[in-house]
Amino acid sequence: MATDIEHSLKEMLEQLKNYKVEKYIFYAMHRGSCSQSNFFQVINIALLRHKKIWLYSRDDEYALYMEKVLKRYGINIECKICDRNIYNLYYEDSENINVIILENNEIKAERVCDILDSMGWSLEDFNYAATSICNWKVADHIIEKRDTLIGNSIYKEEKYPGYVVYGNEKNAKVKIMILGGSTSADEVLRCSSWVSFFISIY
């Protein structure tokens, strides 16, 4: 299936779902997921630190294919979880386990990321990743706009659309505007930016 267009790939897989044939996908992961996510780093860290790898999977065709790819590269899977038993991770130590979310739908992957965050896992600690980009929030209430100065930002109907205001603006003696695109964005990305840490210090 020689396409990197996601909806075309889904259509092709849908047409072939009842055929017992080997399927070769040009891009098993979207190029953006490969270049911008922490998927490969999380697997590498697990292997280097001898951590267990748990897979979140709905056992759909995509997940089964990606599981087969991981096994082909000699990546051992300790356990598989799904919606039914994901909260078993609550009783496990995130220091010993890295979770790989085999979910190609960003909104569904984000829901799993939210559950992992609530149990102590985090992107900052490199102990989970998804095959879809899980670095930013894709909730429906976020309206993303592109701007040459502010990059990808939340664009709400507020006083300063596209910008995040920290602290109490009325009481501030000095105001600092930070432009830096995604490296300085808050509320868009799942991780906190350096700006948040800067503000927390001062």
C-alpha atoms as a PDB file:
ATOM      1  CA  MET A   1       0.000   0.000   0.000  1.00  0.00           C
ATOM      2  CA  ALA A   2       2.106   2.834  -1.332  1.00  0.00           C
ATOM      3  CA  THR A   3       0.541   5.855   0.326  1.00  0.00           C
ATOM      4  CA  ASP A   4       1.364   8.084   3.267  1.00  0.00           C
ATOM      5  CA  ILE A   5      -2.075   9.723   3.252  1.00  0.00           C
ATOM      6  CA  GLU A   6      -3.802   8.479   6.389  1.00  0.00           C
ATOM      7  CA  HIS A   7      -7.395   8.362   5.145  1.00  0.00           C
ATOM      8  CA  SER A   8      -6.312   6.574   1.947  1.00  0.00           C
ATOM      9  CA  LEU A   9      -4.444   3.976   3.976  1.00  0.00           C
ATOM     10  CA  LYS A  10      -7.498   3.395   6.175  1.00  0.00           C
ATOM     11  CA  GLU A  11      -9.663   2.911   3.091  1.00  0.00           C
ATOM     12  CA  MET A  12      -7.186   0.410   1.646  1.00  0.00           C
ATOM     13  CA  LEU A  13      -7.003  -1.554   4.900  1.00  0.00           C
ATOM     14  CA  GLU A  14     -10.793  -1.559   5.162  1.00  0.00           C
ATOM     15  CA  GLN A  15     -11.078  -3.005   1.655  1.00  0.00           C
ATOM     16  CA  LEU A  16      -8.549  -5.723   2.470  1.00  0.00           C
ATOM     17  CA  LYS A  17      -9.647  -6.597   6.007  1.00  0.00           C
ATOM     18  CA  ASN A  18     -11.332  -9.886   5.006  1.00  0.00           C
ATOM     19  CA  TYR A  19      -8.410 -11.103   2.900  1.00  0.00           C
ATOM     20  CA  LYS A  20      -5.833 -13.370   4.557  1.00  0.00           C
ATOM     21  CA  VAL A  21      -2.825 -11.841   2.831  1.00  0.00           C
ATOM     22  CA  GLU A  22       0.360 -10.146   4.000  1.00  0.00           C
ATOM     23  CA  LYS A  23      -0.045  -6.376   3.945  1.00  0.00           C
ATOM     24  CA  TYR A  24       2.971  -4.128   3.392  1.00  0.00           C
ATOM     25  CA  ILE A  25       2.444  -0.531   4.465  1.00  0.00           C
ATOM     26  CA  PHE A  26       4.609   2.220   3.008  1.00  0.00           C
ATOM     27  CA  TYR A  27       4.462   4.189   6.254  1.00  0.00           C
ATOM     28  CA  ALA A  28       3.313   2.146   9.260  1.00  0.00           C
ATOM     29  CA  MET A  29       3.425   5.362  11.271  1.00  0.00           C
ATOM     30  CA  HIS A  30       2.638   8.825  10.038  1.00  0.00           C
ATOM     31  CA  ARG A  31       5.821  10.734   9.193  1.00  0.00           C
ATOM     32  CA  GLY A  32       4.965  13.383  11.784  1.00  0.00           C
ATOM     33  CA  SER A  33       4.764  10.697  14.470  1.00  0.00           C
ATOM     34  CA  CYS A  34       8.196   9.387  13.478  1.00  0.00           C
ATOM     35  CA  SER A  35       9.889  12.791  13.509  1.00  0.00           C
ATOM     36  CA  GLN A  36       8.090  14.541  16.378  1.00  0.00           C
ATOM     37  CA  SER A  37       7.091  11.893  18.889  1.00  0.00           C
ATOM     38  CA  ASN A  38       9.111  10.054  21.541  1.00  0.00           C
ATOM     39  CA  PHE A  39       8.142   6.587  20.271  1.00  0.00           C
ATOM     40  CA  PHE A  40      11.633   5.365  19.388  1.00  0.00           C
ATOM     41  CA  GLN A  41      13.292   7.023  22.397  1.00  0.00           C
ATOM     42  CA  VAL A  42      10.915   5.313  24.836  1.00  0.00           C
ATOM     43  CA  ILE A  43      11.602   1.889  23.318  1.00  0.00           C
ATOM     44  CA  ASN A  44      15.351   2.563  23.296  1.00  0.00           C
ATOM     45  CA  ILE A  45      15.319   3.650  26.943  1.00  0.00           C
ATOM     46  CA  ALA A  46      13.398   0.510  27.914  1.00  0.00           C
ATOM     47  CA  LEU A  47      15.956  -1.705  26.176  1.00  0.00           C
ATOM     48  CA  LEU A  48      19.005   0.121  27.572  1.00  0.00           C
ATOM     49  CA  ARG A  49      17.661   0.177  31.140  1.00  0.00           C
ATOM     50  CA  HIS A  50      16.242  -3.373  30.954  1.00  0.00           C
ATOM     51  CA  LYS A  51      12.732  -2.124  31.620  1.00  0.00           C
ATOM     52  CA  LYS A  52       9.644  -4.155  30.799  1.00  0.00           C
ATOM     53  CA  ILE A  53       7.536  -3.092  27.826  1.00  0.00           C
ATOM     54  CA  TRP A  54       3.780  -3.193  28.130  1.00  0.00           C
ATOM     55  CA  LEU A  55       1.562  -2.666  25.104  1.00  0.00           C
ATOM     56  CA  TYR A  56      -1.769  -0.906  25.133  1.00  0.00           C
ATOM     57  CA  SER A  57      -3.684  -2.446  22.247  1.00  0.00           C
ATOM     58  CA  ARG A  58      -7.274  -2.769  21.047  1.00  0.00           C
ATOM     59  CA  ASP A  59      -6.115  -5.729  18.936  1.00  0.00           C
ATOM     60  CA  ASP A  60      -7.326  -4.051  15.775  1.00  0.00           C
ATOM     61  CA  GLU A  61      -5.502  -4.693  12.519  1.00  0.00           C
ATOM     62  CA  TYR A  62      -3.154  -1.727  12.938  1.00  0.00           C
ATOM     63  CA  ALA A  63      -2.166  -2.714  16.482  1.00  0.00           C
ATOM     64  CA  LEU A  64      -1.560  -6.342  15.511  1.00  0.00           C
ATOM     65  CA  TYR A  65       0.598  -5.219  12.598  1.00  0.00           C
ATOM     66  CA  MET A  66       2.708  -2.914  14.803  1.00  0.00           C
ATOM     67  CA  GLU A  67       3.062  -5.655  17.394  1.00  0.00           C
ATOM     68  CA  LYS A  68       4.389  -7.932  14.680  1.00  0.00           C
ATOM     69  CA  VAL A  69       6.907  -5.243  13.642  1.00  0.00           C
ATOM     70  CA  LEU A  70       8.159  -4.880  17.225  1.00  0.00           C
ATOM     71  CA  LYS A  71       8.619  -8.639  17.569  1.00  0.00           C
ATOM     72  CA  ARG A  72      10.461  -8.764  14.256  1.00  0.00           C
ATOM     73  CA  TYR A  73      13.033  -6.367  15.716  1.00  0.00           C
ATOM     74  CA  GLY A  74      13.449  -8.557  18.797  1.00  0.00           C
ATOM     75  CA  ILE A  75      11.533  -6.263  21.159  1.00  0.00           C
ATOM     76  CA  ASN A  76      10.010  -8.468  23.845  1.00  0.00           C
ATOM     77  CA  ILE A  77       6.537  -7.600  25.070  1.00  0.00           C
ATOM     78  CA  GLU A  78       5.982  -8.340  28.753  1.00  0.00           C
ATOM     79  CA  CYS A  79       2.247  -7.689  28.899  1.00  0.00           C
ATOM     80  CA  LYS A  80      -0.692  -6.455  26.816  1.00  0.00           C
ATOM     81  CA  ILE A  81      -3.381  -4.208  28.261  1.00  0.00           C
ATOM     82  CA  CYS A  82      -6.571  -2.617  26.937  1.00  0.00           C
ATOM     83  CA  ASP A  83      -9.380  -0.430  28.250  1.00  0.00           C
ATOM     84  CA  ARG A  84     -10.643  -3.292  30.407  1.00  0.00           C
ATOM     85  CA  ASN A  85      -7.458  -3.713  32.463  1.00  0.00           C
ATOM     86  CA  ILE A  86      -5.407  -0.539  31.926  1.00  0.00           C
ATOM     87  CA  TYR A  87      -5.819   0.403  35.586  1.00  0.00           C
ATOM     88  CA  ASN A  88      -3.690  -2.611  36.530  1.00  0.00           C
ATOM     89  CA  LEU A  89      -0.802  -0.227  35.876  1.00  0.00           C
ATOM     90  CA  TYR A  90      -1.810   1.634  39.036  1.00  0.00           C
ATOM     91  CA  TYR A  91      -0.249  -1.200  41.051  1.00  0.00           C
ATOM     92  CA  GLU A  92       2.947  -1.248  38.985  1.00  0.00           C
ATOM     93  CA  ASP A  93       6.117   0.836  39.248  1.00  0.00           C
ATOM     94  CA  SER A  94       6.677   3.272  36.366  1.00  0.00           C
ATOM     95  CA  GLU A  95      10.418   2.974  37.030  1.00  0.00           C
ATOM     96  CA  ASN A  96      10.342  -0.607  35.763  1.00  0.00           C
ATOM     97  CA  ILE A  97       7.794  -0.388  32.917  1.00  0.00           C
ATOM     98  CA  ASN A  98       7.488   1.586  29.689  1.00  0.00           C
ATOM     99  CA  VAL A  99       4.089   1.622  27.990  1.00  0.00           C
ATOM    100  CA  ILE A 100       3.680   1.687  24.216  1.00  0.00           C
ATOM    101  CA  ILE A 101       0.235   2.785  23.029  1.00  0.00           C
ATOM    102  CA  LEU A 102      -0.572   1.108  19.723  1.00  0.00           C
ATOM    103  CA  GLU A 103      -3.290   3.533  18.684  1.00  0.00           C
ATOM    104  CA  ASN A 104      -3.356   5.407  15.400  1.00  0.00           C
ATOM    105  CA  ASN A 105      -6.290   7.638  16.339  1.00  0.00           C
ATOM    106  CA  GLU A 106      -4.953  10.765  18.070  1.00  0.00           C
ATOM    107  CA  ILE A 107      -8.077  11.434  20.141  1.00  0.00           C
ATOM    108  CA  LYS A 108      -8.241   7.843  21.417  1.00  0.00           C
ATOM    109  CA  ALA A 109      -4.491   7.878  22.100  1.00  0.00           C
ATOM    110  CA  GLU A 110      -4.866  11.131  24.042  1.00  0.00           C
ATOM    111  CA  ARG A 111      -7.508   9.545  26.279  1.00  0.00           C
ATOM    112  CA  VAL A 112      -5.082   6.707  27.109  1.00  0.00           C
ATOM    113  CA  CYS A 113      -2.313   9.264  27.772  1.00  0.00           C
ATOM    114  CA  ASP A 114      -4.628  11.103  30.193  1.00  0.00           C
ATOM    115  CA  ILE A 115      -5.233   7.854  32.093  1.00  0.00           C
ATOM    116  CA  LEU A 116      -1.491   7.130  32.276  1.00  0.00           C
ATOM    117  CA  ASP A 117      -0.785  10.685  33.485  1.00  0.00           C
ATOM    118  CA  SER A 118      -3.380  10.251  36.242  1.00  0.00           C
ATOM    119  CA  MET A 119      -1.503   7.156  37.480  1.00  0.00           C
ATOM    120  CA  GLY A 120       1.947   8.760  37.591  1.00  0.00           C
ATOM    121  CA  TRP A 121       3.330   8.070  34.122  1.00  0.00           C
ATOM    122  CA  SER A 122       4.566  11.076  32.131  1.00  0.00           C
ATOM    123  CA  LEU A 123       6.119  12.111  28.834  1.00  0.00           C
ATOM    124  CA  GLU A 124       8.827  13.982  30.722  1.00  0.00           C
ATOM    125  CA  ASP A 125       9.996  10.725  32.296  1.00  0.00           C
ATOM    126  CA  PHE A 126       9.973   8.938  28.911  1.00  0.00           C
ATOM    127  CA  ASN A 127       7.947   6.039  30.266  1.00  0.00           C
ATOM    128  CA  TYR A 128       5.179   6.000  27.674  1.00  0.00           C
ATOM    129  CA  ALA A 129       4.717   6.749  23.999  1.00  0.00           C
ATOM    130  CA  ALA A 130       2.159   6.231  21.262  1.00  0.00           C
ATOM    131  CA  THR A 131       2.329   5.369  17.582  1.00  0.00           C
ATOM    132  CA  SER A 132       0.320   8.537  16.958  1.00  0.00           C
ATOM    133  CA  ILE A 133       1.723  11.866  18.126  1.00  0.00           C
ATOM    134  CA  CYS A 134       0.895  12.176  21.825  1.00  0.00           C
ATOM    135  CA  ASN A 135       3.027  15.248  22.513  1.00  0.00           C
ATOM    136  CA  TRP A 136       0.195  17.750  22.077  1.00  0.00           C
ATOM    137  CA  LYS A 137      -3.402  17.981  23.175  1.00  0.00           C
ATOM    138  CA  VAL A 138      -5.988  17.346  20.507  1.00  0.00           C
ATOM    139  CA  ALA A 139      -9.103  18.059  22.561  1.00  0.00           C
ATOM    140  CA  ASP A 140     -11.999  19.552  20.624  1.00  0.00           C
ATOM    141  CA  HIS A 141     -11.973  22.804  22.590  1.00  0.00           C
ATOM    142  CA  ILE A 142      -8.483  23.699  21.357  1.00  0.00           C
ATOM    143  CA  ILE A 143      -8.523  25.719  18.168  1.00  0.00           C
ATOM    144  CA  GLU A 144      -5.104  25.663  16.578  1.00  0.00           C
ATOM    145  CA  LYS A 145      -3.917  28.556  14.441  1.00  0.00           C
ATOM    146  CA  ARG A 146      -0.635  29.049  12.643  1.00  0.00           C
ATOM    147  CA  ASP A 147       1.197  32.327  12.866  1.00  0.00           C
ATOM    148  CA  THR A 148       4.700  33.235  11.674  1.00  0.00           C
ATOM    149  CA  LEU A 149       5.559  34.540  15.147  1.00  0.00           C
ATOM    150  CA  ILE A 150       3.681  32.313  17.557  1.00  0.00           C
ATOM    151  CA  GLY A 151       3.655  29.019  15.633  1.00  0.00           C
ATOM    152  CA  ASN A 152       0.923  26.576  16.715  1.00  0.00           C
ATOM    153  CA  SER A 153      -1.062  28.052  19.574  1.00  0.00           C
ATOM    154  CA  ILE A 154      -4.380  27.979  21.300  1.00  0.00           C
ATOM    155  CA  TYR A 155      -6.565  30.647  19.777  1.00  0.00           C
ATOM    156  CA  LYS A 156      -9.338  31.343  22.257  1.00  0.00           C
ATOM    157  CA  GLU A 157     -11.640  34.352  22.410  1.00  0.00           C
ATOM    158  CA  GLU A 158      -9.595  36.080  25.073  1.00  0.00           C
ATOM    159  CA  LYS A 159      -7.780  39.371  25.460  1.00  0.00           C
ATOM    160  CA  TYR A 160      -4.667  38.047  23.726  1.00  0.00           C
ATOM    161  CA  PRO A 161      -5.728  35.275  21.334  1.00  0.00           C
ATOM    162  CA  GLY A 162      -2.894  32.834  20.708  1.00  0.00           C
ATOM    163  CA  TYR A 163      -0.949  33.786  23.835  1.00  0.00           C
ATOM    164  CA  VAL A 164      -0.818  32.392  27.362  1.00  0.00           C
ATOM    165  CA  VAL A 165      -0.771  34.938  30.182  1.00  0.00           C
ATOM    166  CA  TYR A 166       1.000  33.947  33.398  1.00  0.00           C
ATOM    167  CA  GLY A 167       0.464  35.567  36.762  1.00  0.00           C
ATOM    168  CA  ASN A 168      -1.556  38.673  37.512  1.00  0.00           C
ATOM    169  CA  GLU A 169      -1.169  41.119  34.671  1.00  0.00           C
ATOM    170  CA  LYS A 170      -2.455  44.113  36.674  1.00  0.00           C
ATOM    171  CA  ASN A 171       0.083  43.677  39.480  1.00  0.00           C
ATOM    172  CA  ALA A 172       3.066  42.993  37.233  1.00  0.00           C
ATOM    173  CA  LYS A 173       5.795  45.643  37.285  1.00  0.00           C
ATOM    174  CA  VAL A 174       7.575  44.035  34.341  1.00  0.00           C
ATOM    175  CA  LYS A 175       5.934  42.213  31.448  1.00  0.00           C
ATOM    176  CA  ILE A 176       7.863  39.777  29.271  1.00  0.00           C
ATOM    177  CA  MET A 177       6.654  38.518  25.912  1.00  0.00           C
ATOM    178  CA  ILE A 178       8.170  35.215  24.825  1.00  0.00           C
ATOM    179  CA  LEU A 179       8.073  34.150  21.190  1.00  0.00           C
ATOM    180  CA  GLY A 180       9.389  30.721  20.340  1.00  0.00           C
ATOM    181  CA  GLY A 181       6.771  28.617  18.687  1.00  0.00           C
ATOM    182  CA  SER A 182       6.299  25.107  20.048  1.00  0.00           C
ATOM    183  CA  THR A 183       9.403  25.319  22.265  1.00  0.00           C
ATOM    184  CA  SER A 184       7.672  27.978  24.344  1.00  0.00           C
ATOM    185  CA  ALA A 185       4.051  26.858  24.046  1.00  0.00           C
ATOM    186  CA  ASP A 186       1.906  25.934  27.007  1.00  0.00           C
ATOM    187  CA  GLU A 187      -1.579  24.428  27.059  1.00  0.00           C
ATOM    188  CA  VAL A 188      -1.005  23.011  23.558  1.00  0.00           C
ATOM    189  CA  LEU A 189       1.653  20.450  24.426  1.00  0.00           C
ATOM    190  CA  ARG A 190       1.192  17.714  27.014  1.00  0.00           C
ATOM    191  CA  CYS A 191       4.576  18.535  28.583  1.00  0.00           C
ATOM    192  CA  SER A 192       5.129  21.810  30.391  1.00  0.00           C
ATOM    193  CA  SER A 193       7.382  24.237  28.557  1.00  0.00           C
ATOM    194  CA  TRP A 194      10.477  25.912  29.966  1.00  0.00           C
ATOM    195  CA  VAL A 195       8.379  29.056  30.365  1.00  0.00           C
ATOM    196  CA  SER A 196       6.259  27.329  33.039  1.00  0.00           C
ATOM    197  CA  PHE A 197       9.370  26.350  34.979  1.00  0.00           C
ATOM    198  CA  PHE A 198      10.753  29.884  34.620  1.00  0.00           C
ATOM    199  CA  ILE A 199       7.539  31.393  35.993  1.00  0.00           C
ATOM    200  CA  SER A 200       7.410  28.928  38.895  1.00  0.00           C
ATOM    201  CA  ILE A 201      10.899  30.067  40.002  1.00  0.00           C
ATOM    202  CA  TYR A 202      10.180  33.773  39.779  1.00  0.00           C
END
